[in-house]
Amino acid sequence: MSSLIIRNAKIFNRGKEFSGDILVSGKRIERIAPSIDANADREIDASGKWVLPGIIDDQVHFREPGLTHKANIFTESTAALAGGVTSFMEMPNTKPPAVTLEELESKYAIAAEHSLPNYSFYIGATNDNLETVLKADPKKVCGIKVFMGSSTGNMLVDDTATLEGLFSKAHMLIATHCEDENTIRQNTEAALAEYGDEIPMEMHPVIRSRRACILSSSKAIELARRYGTRLHILHISTADEVSLFDHDIPLEKKRITSEACVHHLTFASGDYRTLGGKIKCNPAIKDDADRAAIMAGVRDHHIDVIATDHAPHTMAEKDNKYMDCPSGLPLVQHTLDLMMHHVQQGRISLQEVVHKMCHAPAICFQVEDRGFLDEGAFADIIIYDPEHHWEVNKSNILYKCGWSPLEGWRFRGKVETTIVSGHVAFNKGVFDRSRQGMRLTFDR
């Protein structure tokens, strides 16, 4: 077994900050102490650096198979690693969609060959594959994805009997995209009647409205409460939805949890004027008051997890009129950068960021032995330089689509090293592809 010592680190874990060394043996953390008197195959001096658990991103779209002109598992997992993401959970709306066990396993095979971070994939629900999704192994699959509102990939589940069957019989976590389809259709028809094919991008939060979100989220919660389902509602985008969730129950005991995404914590409707289709996403980015309420919900534990919903499209696809502009934006390389920006602005603490991006996803999904810097856990570790000043530009963007809505942003702080299961997979801009990530397993 190879070994590694990280020395002189400022360590952030389980709400505490302390200085010390970390000894890694093979794939796992063997010891954490103020000082470790031992030799190792490799040493990293982390003086002046911060050491955090690896990020677990519970919602990404890496576009493989079938949409690889936009992205693929190799390119996007590489970008994720550079941003400190050591584990990801990827969505089923590819071509063909991962709605059969065979298609699901084919994605696992691609990741086993090409992904440096650890990985898991959702199986997608449709109106007619209930028996199939119920056969997925809850110990080896992160969850069942249900689109209760249409989005990229046309996987809308709107059949009442199917929804009842899913929520009453699912033996693993159900993750939902919640927007009411009838409301969206009515709003779209009204916008087309008023604007024709010149719908302003600023109409997106009117079309994909707060009412659409609250109706659908309320429906999902009602179903989950009726059947005792383990429900996780993705990408909360309105102040109205925040209060739907309990905040005074320990996370380990919650049956209904929720997620906020970094773009809903960062942008607001006024940004459509300058960024236009670059920030068009589903559910839509809404008002300043919604952004503030979502951040407050993250801090007071109404909202449990922070993720990206990384969803790249080519610039040629994005540079279209409203009805032809696809929804989604690339974020997984810059998720920690954005949240550290919010830390520096006093909107959230670093300990809260670590909890919501590392600890909480592990708890919510019952990920085995990851998400914490604990002795015996897998060594998924970020070494972060808090004083590195840099700017996002096309020369350092790793997404296959080649662009970011953050171009021109200047950040203080940057991921220097990312360690995955004890393997130094990324260090000072250099990737080591001699070992791939592992398939996540779940303690269910």
Protein backbone atom coordinates (compact mmCIF):
# COMPACT_ATOMS: atom_id res chain seq x y z
CA MET A 1 0.00 0.00 0.00
CA SER A 2 1.22 3.46 -0.83
CA SER A 3 1.18 6.08 1.91
CA LEU A 4 0.89 9.85 2.09
CA ILE A 5 1.32 12.44 4.84
CA ILE A 6 -0.18 15.90 4.63
CA ARG A 7 1.68 18.06 7.15
CA ASN A 8 1.03 21.42 8.82
CA ALA A 9 -2.54 21.66 7.60
CA LYS A 10 -5.38 23.81 8.86
CA ILE A 11 -8.13 21.19 8.84
CA PHE A 12 -11.87 21.86 8.60
CA ASN A 13 -14.12 18.95 9.56
CA ARG A 14 -17.38 18.39 11.46
CA GLY A 15 -17.75 22.08 12.31
CA LYS A 16 -14.28 22.34 13.82
CA GLU A 17 -11.04 23.99 12.72
CA PHE A 18 -7.70 22.69 13.95
CA SER A 19 -4.08 22.30 12.86
CA GLY A 20 -2.44 18.97 12.30
CA ASP A 21 -1.18 16.20 10.05
CA ILE A 22 -3.09 13.56 8.10
CA LEU A 23 -1.64 10.11 7.40
CA VAL A 24 -3.15 8.22 4.47
CA SER A 25 -2.48 4.52 3.98
CA GLY A 26 -3.72 3.08 0.71
CA LYS A 27 -7.17 4.47 0.03
CA ARG A 28 -8.08 5.51 3.56
CA ILE A 29 -7.19 7.98 6.28
CA GLU A 30 -5.21 6.12 8.93
CA ARG A 31 -4.55 8.88 11.42
CA ILE A 32 -5.21 12.56 12.10
CA ALA A 33 -3.17 14.20 14.87
CA PRO A 34 -1.49 17.50 15.78
CA SER A 35 1.79 15.91 14.70
CA ILE A 36 2.48 12.49 13.21
CA ASP A 37 5.93 10.96 13.62
CA ALA A 38 5.97 8.63 10.64
CA ASN A 39 7.46 8.24 7.20
CA ALA A 40 5.41 7.94 4.03
CA ASP A 41 5.95 7.36 0.33
CA ARG A 42 4.94 10.96 -0.30
CA GLU A 43 4.67 14.07 1.80
CA ILE A 44 2.78 17.27 1.08
CA ASP A 45 3.53 20.38 3.10
CA ALA A 46 0.22 22.19 3.55
CA SER A 47 1.61 25.15 5.49
CA GLY A 48 -0.65 28.14 4.93
CA LYS A 49 -3.25 25.95 3.22
CA TRP A 50 -6.70 24.74 4.23
CA VAL A 51 -7.58 21.05 4.12
CA LEU A 52 -11.23 20.11 3.55
CA PRO A 53 -13.15 16.93 2.79
CA GLY A 54 -13.73 16.33 -0.92
CA ILE A 55 -16.95 17.79 -2.31
CA ILE A 56 -19.82 15.43 -3.14
CA ASP A 57 -21.93 16.97 -5.93
CA ASP A 58 -25.30 15.25 -5.95
CA GLN A 59 -26.51 16.71 -9.27
CA VAL A 60 -24.54 16.96 -12.50
CA HIS A 61 -25.22 16.40 -16.20
CA PHE A 62 -22.14 15.12 -18.02
CA ARG A 63 -24.04 14.43 -21.30
CA GLU A 64 -22.67 10.98 -22.10
CA PRO A 65 -23.88 9.02 -24.00
CA GLY A 66 -25.44 10.73 -26.99
CA LEU A 67 -24.79 14.42 -26.25
CA THR A 68 -21.01 14.37 -26.29
CA HIS A 69 -20.70 17.41 -28.55
CA LYS A 70 -21.56 19.34 -25.35
CA ALA A 71 -19.60 17.34 -22.76
CA ASN A 72 -18.58 13.87 -21.71
CA ILE A 73 -17.70 12.02 -18.54
CA PHE A 74 -13.95 12.42 -19.15
CA THR A 75 -13.97 16.21 -19.70
CA GLU A 76 -16.51 17.15 -17.06
CA SER A 77 -15.18 14.87 -14.34
CA THR A 78 -11.75 16.38 -15.01
CA ALA A 79 -13.20 19.87 -14.56
CA ALA A 80 -14.96 18.69 -11.40
CA LEU A 81 -11.73 17.36 -9.94
CA ALA A 82 -9.95 20.68 -10.52
CA GLY A 83 -12.74 22.31 -8.53
CA GLY A 84 -12.39 19.98 -5.55
CA VAL A 85 -15.23 17.59 -6.42
CA THR A 86 -14.14 14.08 -5.45
CA SER A 87 -17.53 12.38 -5.99
CA PHE A 88 -20.43 13.13 -8.30
CA MET A 89 -23.93 11.81 -8.96
CA GLU A 90 -24.98 12.16 -12.60
CA MET A 91 -28.42 12.51 -14.12
CA PRO A 92 -30.19 10.10 -16.51
CA ASN A 93 -31.36 12.47 -19.29
CA THR A 94 -28.78 11.40 -21.87
CA LYS A 95 -29.37 9.77 -25.28
CA PRO A 96 -30.48 7.09 -24.78
CA PRO A 97 -31.67 7.96 -21.29
CA ALA A 98 -30.59 5.80 -18.36
CA VAL A 99 -34.06 4.35 -17.80
CA THR A 100 -33.07 0.68 -18.05
CA LEU A 101 -30.58 -1.24 -15.94
CA GLU A 102 -28.56 -1.96 -19.08
CA GLU A 103 -28.19 1.73 -20.01
CA LEU A 104 -27.40 2.59 -16.40
CA GLU A 105 -24.60 0.01 -16.22
CA SER A 106 -23.16 1.22 -19.53
CA LYS A 107 -22.64 4.64 -17.93
CA TYR A 108 -20.90 3.04 -14.97
CA ALA A 109 -18.58 1.27 -17.41
CA ILE A 110 -17.67 4.58 -19.07
CA ALA A 111 -16.95 6.20 -15.70
CA ALA A 112 -14.83 3.25 -14.57
CA GLU A 113 -12.56 3.90 -17.55
CA HIS A 114 -12.57 7.70 -17.69
CA SER A 115 -13.50 9.35 -14.37
CA LEU A 116 -10.88 10.49 -11.88
CA PRO A 117 -13.49 11.39 -9.23
CA ASN A 118 -15.75 8.79 -7.65
CA TYR A 119 -19.12 8.40 -9.34
CA SER A 120 -22.70 7.27 -9.17
CA PHE A 121 -25.61 7.53 -11.60
CA TYR A 122 -29.34 7.97 -11.08
CA ILE A 123 -31.77 5.68 -12.81
CA GLY A 124 -34.45 7.73 -14.54
CA ALA A 125 -38.16 7.25 -14.07
CA THR A 126 -40.61 7.46 -16.96
CA ASN A 127 -44.35 7.02 -17.16
CA ASP A 128 -43.90 3.33 -17.98
CA ASN A 129 -40.74 1.90 -16.36
CA LEU A 130 -41.81 1.54 -12.73
CA GLU A 131 -40.91 -2.16 -12.51
CA THR A 132 -37.44 -1.46 -13.89
CA VAL A 133 -36.51 1.34 -11.48
CA LEU A 134 -37.66 -0.76 -8.55
CA LYS A 135 -35.04 -3.37 -9.50
CA ALA A 136 -32.11 -0.95 -9.11
CA ASP A 137 -29.79 -1.88 -6.24
CA PRO A 138 -30.02 0.80 -3.50
CA LYS A 139 -26.52 -0.07 -2.30
CA LYS A 140 -24.99 0.66 -5.72
CA VAL A 141 -27.25 3.37 -7.22
CA CYS A 142 -27.58 6.85 -5.72
CA GLY A 143 -31.29 7.25 -6.40
CA ILE A 144 -34.26 7.45 -8.72
CA LYS A 145 -34.59 10.70 -10.68
CA VAL A 146 -38.12 11.94 -11.36
CA PHE A 147 -38.72 14.94 -13.62
CA MET A 148 -42.02 16.31 -12.31
CA GLY A 149 -41.49 19.19 -14.74
CA SER A 150 -40.09 18.94 -18.26
CA SER A 151 -36.47 19.84 -18.84
CA THR A 152 -33.64 18.82 -21.15
CA GLY A 153 -34.28 15.27 -22.37
CA ASN A 154 -38.09 15.07 -22.39
CA MET A 155 -38.37 12.70 -19.42
CA LEU A 156 -41.46 14.24 -17.85
CA VAL A 157 -43.32 11.96 -15.43
CA ASP A 158 -46.87 13.27 -15.20
CA ASP A 159 -48.95 10.11 -14.94
CA THR A 160 -50.68 10.07 -11.56
CA ALA A 161 -50.64 6.28 -11.26
CA THR A 162 -46.89 6.19 -12.00
CA LEU A 163 -46.14 8.85 -9.40
CA GLU A 164 -48.26 7.02 -6.83
CA GLY A 165 -46.43 3.79 -7.64
CA LEU A 166 -43.00 5.39 -7.38
CA PHE A 167 -43.65 7.13 -4.09
CA SER A 168 -45.39 4.14 -2.51
CA LYS A 169 -42.94 1.42 -3.61
CA ALA A 170 -39.49 3.02 -4.01
CA HIS A 171 -36.91 1.43 -1.72
CA MET A 172 -34.31 4.14 -2.24
CA LEU A 173 -34.10 7.90 -2.40
CA ILE A 174 -36.25 9.69 -4.99
CA ALA A 175 -34.77 12.95 -6.30
CA THR A 176 -37.22 15.27 -8.01
CA HIS A 177 -37.12 18.17 -10.43
CA CYS A 178 -40.25 20.06 -9.34
CA GLU A 179 -42.05 22.42 -11.73
CA ASP A 180 -45.74 22.18 -12.62
CA GLU A 181 -46.00 21.42 -16.32
CA ASN A 182 -49.47 22.87 -16.91
CA THR A 183 -48.45 26.20 -15.39
CA ILE A 184 -45.34 26.35 -17.59
CA ARG A 185 -47.34 25.56 -20.72
CA GLN A 186 -49.89 28.26 -19.98
CA ASN A 187 -47.17 30.82 -19.27
CA THR A 188 -45.32 29.86 -22.45
CA GLU A 189 -48.45 30.26 -24.55
CA ALA A 190 -49.08 33.68 -23.03
CA ALA A 191 -45.50 34.79 -23.74
CA LEU A 192 -45.67 33.57 -27.32
CA ALA A 193 -48.95 35.43 -27.80
CA GLU A 194 -47.38 38.65 -26.52
CA TYR A 195 -43.88 38.46 -28.00
CA GLY A 196 -43.97 35.95 -30.84
CA ASP A 197 -40.50 34.56 -31.42
CA GLU A 198 -38.87 37.56 -29.68
CA ILE A 199 -39.49 36.52 -26.08
CA PRO A 200 -36.99 38.39 -23.89
CA MET A 201 -34.71 36.18 -21.79
CA GLU A 202 -35.91 38.16 -18.77
CA MET A 203 -39.26 36.36 -19.18
CA HIS A 204 -37.75 33.03 -18.17
CA PRO A 205 -38.61 33.35 -14.43
CA VAL A 206 -42.10 34.47 -15.44
CA ILE A 207 -42.60 31.44 -17.69
CA ARG A 208 -40.91 28.96 -15.35
CA SER A 209 -42.67 30.74 -12.52
CA ARG A 210 -42.55 30.54 -8.75
CA ARG A 211 -46.12 29.20 -8.84
CA ALA A 212 -44.96 26.32 -11.03
CA CYS A 213 -42.27 25.51 -8.49
CA ILE A 214 -44.40 25.72 -5.36
CA LEU A 215 -47.24 23.66 -6.85
CA SER A 216 -44.92 20.83 -7.87
CA SER A 217 -42.77 20.83 -4.73
CA SER A 218 -45.90 20.80 -2.58
CA LYS A 219 -47.25 17.84 -4.55
CA ALA A 220 -44.01 15.88 -4.15
CA ILE A 221 -43.93 16.55 -0.42
CA GLU A 222 -47.57 15.54 -0.03
CA LEU A 223 -46.89 12.23 -1.79
CA ALA A 224 -43.76 11.61 0.27
CA ARG A 225 -45.55 12.28 3.53
CA ARG A 226 -48.44 10.05 2.52
CA TYR A 227 -46.18 7.09 1.76
CA GLY A 228 -43.15 7.74 3.98
CA THR A 229 -40.93 8.09 0.90
CA ARG A 230 -37.30 9.17 1.15
CA LEU A 231 -37.58 12.34 -0.98
CA HIS A 232 -34.88 14.82 -2.00
CA ILE A 233 -36.08 17.90 -3.90
CA LEU A 234 -33.42 19.36 -6.15
CA HIS A 235 -32.47 22.99 -6.94
CA ILE A 236 -34.86 25.06 -4.81
CA SER A 237 -35.31 28.42 -6.57
CA THR A 238 -37.98 30.35 -4.65
CA ALA A 239 -38.43 31.85 -1.21
CA ASP A 240 -41.89 30.24 -1.17
CA GLU A 241 -40.46 26.71 -1.21
CA VAL A 242 -37.91 27.16 1.58
CA SER A 243 -40.54 27.05 4.32
CA LEU A 244 -41.88 23.72 3.05
CA PHE A 245 -39.00 21.89 4.69
CA ASP A 246 -38.31 21.07 8.32
CA HIS A 247 -35.26 22.70 9.89
CA ASP A 248 -35.40 21.41 13.47
CA ILE A 249 -34.89 17.70 12.76
CA PRO A 250 -31.38 16.16 12.68
CA LEU A 251 -30.39 15.55 9.07
CA GLU A 252 -29.92 11.83 9.72
CA LYS A 253 -33.60 11.58 10.68
CA LYS A 254 -35.11 13.62 7.84
CA ARG A 255 -37.22 11.78 5.28
CA ILE A 256 -37.67 14.87 3.10
CA THR A 257 -34.60 16.93 2.22
CA SER A 258 -33.73 19.64 -0.28
CA GLU A 259 -30.89 21.11 -2.28
CA ALA A 260 -29.78 24.59 -3.31
CA CYS A 261 -27.56 25.15 -6.33
CA VAL A 262 -24.71 27.62 -6.52
CA HIS A 263 -26.28 29.61 -9.37
CA HIS A 264 -29.49 30.21 -7.42
CA LEU A 265 -27.30 31.43 -4.55
CA THR A 266 -25.26 33.71 -6.82
CA PHE A 267 -27.35 35.19 -9.63
CA ALA A 268 -30.70 36.99 -9.68
CA SER A 269 -33.21 38.04 -12.33
CA GLY A 270 -31.40 41.33 -13.02
CA ASP A 271 -28.47 39.32 -14.38
CA TYR A 272 -30.48 38.22 -17.43
CA ARG A 273 -29.87 41.70 -18.86
CA THR A 274 -26.14 41.09 -19.12
CA LEU A 275 -25.81 37.29 -19.23
CA GLY A 276 -29.00 36.40 -21.11
CA GLY A 277 -29.18 32.77 -22.16
CA LYS A 278 -25.92 31.94 -20.37
CA ILE A 279 -27.87 31.73 -17.12
CA LYS A 280 -31.07 30.27 -18.54
CA CYS A 281 -31.73 27.15 -16.47
CA ASN A 282 -34.62 25.11 -15.08
CA PRO A 283 -35.93 26.01 -12.59
CA ALA A 284 -35.26 29.63 -13.46
CA ILE A 285 -33.05 32.00 -11.52
CA LYS A 286 -35.50 34.35 -9.87
CA ASP A 287 -35.38 37.56 -7.78
CA ASP A 288 -32.94 39.01 -5.26
CA ALA A 289 -35.39 38.18 -2.46
CA ASP A 290 -35.46 34.53 -3.58
CA ARG A 291 -31.68 34.37 -3.68
CA ALA A 292 -31.46 35.79 -0.15
CA ALA A 293 -34.15 33.44 1.16
CA ILE A 294 -32.41 30.40 -0.32
CA MET A 295 -29.13 31.39 1.33
CA ALA A 296 -30.96 31.89 4.62
CA GLY A 297 -32.57 28.47 4.15
CA VAL A 298 -29.17 26.89 3.66
CA ARG A 299 -27.87 28.50 6.82
CA ASP A 300 -30.84 27.62 9.04
CA HIS A 301 -31.08 24.03 7.68
CA HIS A 302 -34.39 24.27 5.85
CA ILE A 303 -32.17 23.42 2.85
CA ASP A 304 -29.72 20.59 3.38
CA VAL A 305 -27.28 20.36 0.46
CA ILE A 306 -25.43 22.69 -1.93
CA ALA A 307 -24.76 21.33 -5.44
CA THR A 308 -24.22 22.60 -8.99
CA ASP A 309 -26.72 21.07 -11.44
CA HIS A 310 -23.80 21.39 -13.87
CA ALA A 311 -25.49 21.30 -17.29
CA PRO A 312 -23.29 22.39 -20.21
CA HIS A 313 -24.38 23.35 -23.72
CA THR A 314 -22.29 24.71 -26.56
CA MET A 315 -22.15 28.47 -26.99
CA ALA A 316 -23.73 28.04 -30.42
CA GLU A 317 -26.72 26.38 -28.76
CA LYS A 318 -26.92 29.04 -26.07
CA ASP A 319 -26.65 31.91 -28.55
CA ASN A 320 -30.23 31.54 -29.77
CA LYS A 321 -33.58 33.18 -29.23
CA TYR A 322 -35.48 32.24 -26.09
CA MET A 323 -37.47 29.28 -27.38
CA ASP A 324 -34.41 27.69 -29.03
CA CYS A 325 -31.97 28.36 -26.18
CA PRO A 326 -31.50 25.23 -24.03
CA SER A 327 -31.52 25.50 -20.25
CA GLY A 328 -28.46 24.77 -18.14
CA LEU A 329 -25.04 26.23 -17.39
CA PRO A 330 -21.58 24.80 -16.63
CA LEU A 331 -20.52 25.17 -12.99
CA VAL A 332 -18.80 22.09 -11.56
CA GLN A 333 -15.24 23.43 -11.90
CA HIS A 334 -16.12 26.60 -9.99
CA THR A 335 -18.54 25.45 -7.30
CA LEU A 336 -16.12 25.88 -4.38
CA ASP A 337 -14.84 29.16 -5.84
CA LEU A 338 -18.35 30.59 -5.79
CA MET A 339 -19.07 29.42 -2.26
CA MET A 340 -15.74 30.77 -0.99
CA HIS A 341 -16.72 34.09 -2.58
CA HIS A 342 -19.89 34.00 -0.48
CA VAL A 343 -17.81 33.15 2.61
CA GLN A 344 -15.61 36.18 1.96
CA GLN A 345 -18.72 38.35 1.57
CA GLY A 346 -19.98 37.20 4.98
CA ARG A 347 -23.05 35.41 3.62
CA ILE A 348 -22.11 31.98 4.96
CA SER A 349 -19.30 30.48 7.04
CA LEU A 350 -16.63 28.12 5.77
CA GLN A 351 -17.80 25.49 8.25
CA GLU A 352 -21.32 25.76 6.82
CA VAL A 353 -19.98 25.35 3.27
CA VAL A 354 -18.07 22.22 4.29
CA HIS A 355 -21.17 20.82 5.94
CA LYS A 356 -23.52 21.51 3.00
CA MET A 357 -21.14 20.42 0.22
CA CYS A 358 -19.26 17.54 1.86
CA HIS A 359 -20.90 16.19 5.02
CA ALA A 360 -24.59 16.66 4.17
CA PRO A 361 -24.59 14.91 0.76
CA ALA A 362 -22.89 11.92 2.40
CA ILE A 363 -25.54 11.86 5.12
CA CYS A 364 -28.51 12.45 2.80
CA PHE A 365 -27.54 9.72 0.37
CA GLN A 366 -25.97 7.44 3.00
CA VAL A 367 -22.69 7.36 1.08
CA GLU A 368 -20.37 4.82 2.63
CA ASP A 369 -17.21 6.18 4.31
CA ARG A 370 -16.99 9.48 2.44
CA GLY A 371 -17.72 13.16 3.06
CA PHE A 372 -15.68 13.51 6.26
CA LEU A 373 -12.02 13.75 7.25
CA ASP A 374 -12.27 10.89 9.72
CA GLU A 375 -9.86 8.12 10.60
CA GLY A 376 -10.94 5.04 8.65
CA ALA A 377 -12.81 7.00 5.97
CA PHE A 378 -11.77 7.05 2.32
CA ALA A 379 -9.13 9.74 1.79
CA ASP A 380 -11.10 12.20 -0.36
CA ILE A 381 -9.32 15.45 0.41
CA ILE A 382 -8.97 19.02 -0.90
CA ILE A 383 -5.93 21.16 -0.23
CA TYR A 384 -6.99 24.76 -0.79
CA ASP A 385 -4.78 27.85 -1.11
CA PRO A 386 -6.82 30.72 0.43
CA GLU A 387 -4.52 33.43 -0.94
CA HIS A 388 -4.26 32.46 -4.60
CA HIS A 389 -5.63 35.30 -6.74
CA TRP A 390 -6.83 34.38 -10.21
CA GLU A 391 -9.39 35.13 -12.92
CA VAL A 392 -11.75 32.82 -14.80
CA ASN A 393 -11.00 32.96 -18.53
CA LYS A 394 -11.10 30.67 -21.52
CA SER A 395 -7.49 29.58 -21.01
CA ASN A 396 -8.28 27.91 -17.67
CA ILE A 397 -11.83 26.64 -18.32
CA LEU A 398 -11.83 22.83 -18.53
CA TYR A 399 -15.45 22.24 -19.62
CA LYS A 400 -15.73 20.78 -23.11
CA CYS A 401 -18.18 23.57 -24.01
CA GLY A 402 -15.32 26.04 -23.43
CA TRP A 403 -17.23 28.82 -21.68
CA SER A 404 -18.48 29.88 -18.26
CA PRO A 405 -20.93 32.55 -17.05
CA LEU A 406 -18.14 33.50 -14.63
CA GLU A 407 -15.65 34.63 -17.27
CA GLY A 408 -13.97 37.78 -16.03
CA TRP A 409 -14.69 37.02 -12.36
CA ARG A 410 -11.69 37.36 -10.07
CA PHE A 411 -11.43 35.01 -7.11
CA ARG A 412 -9.24 34.86 -4.03
CA GLY A 413 -8.53 31.23 -3.19
CA LYS A 414 -8.13 28.15 -5.36
CA VAL A 415 -8.02 24.37 -5.12
CA GLU A 416 -4.36 23.34 -5.23
CA THR A 417 -4.63 19.58 -4.75
CA THR A 418 -7.45 17.05 -4.96
CA ILE A 419 -6.97 13.57 -3.52
CA VAL A 420 -9.41 10.78 -4.40
CA SER A 421 -9.34 7.62 -2.27
CA GLY A 422 -5.72 8.33 -1.35
CA HIS A 423 -4.63 9.06 -4.92
CA VAL A 424 -3.24 12.54 -5.64
CA ALA A 425 -5.30 12.93 -8.79
CA PHE A 426 -4.79 16.69 -9.24
CA ASN A 427 -1.90 18.79 -8.00
CA LYS A 428 -1.00 22.34 -9.04
CA GLY A 429 -2.67 22.06 -12.44
CA VAL A 430 -1.40 18.56 -13.26
CA PHE A 431 -3.66 15.48 -13.45
CA ASP A 432 -2.46 11.97 -12.59
CA ARG A 433 -4.60 9.49 -14.53
CA SER A 434 -2.81 6.37 -13.33
CA ARG A 435 -5.84 5.49 -11.19
CA GLN A 436 -9.53 6.13 -11.74
CA GLY A 437 -12.21 6.96 -9.20
CA MET A 438 -14.40 4.37 -7.51
CA ARG A 439 -18.09 3.58 -7.83
CA LEU A 440 -19.86 5.00 -4.79
CA THR A 441 -21.63 2.60 -2.48
CA PHE A 442 -24.47 3.40 -0.09
CA ASP A 443 -25.20 2.20 3.43
CA ARG A 444 -28.87 1.34 2.90
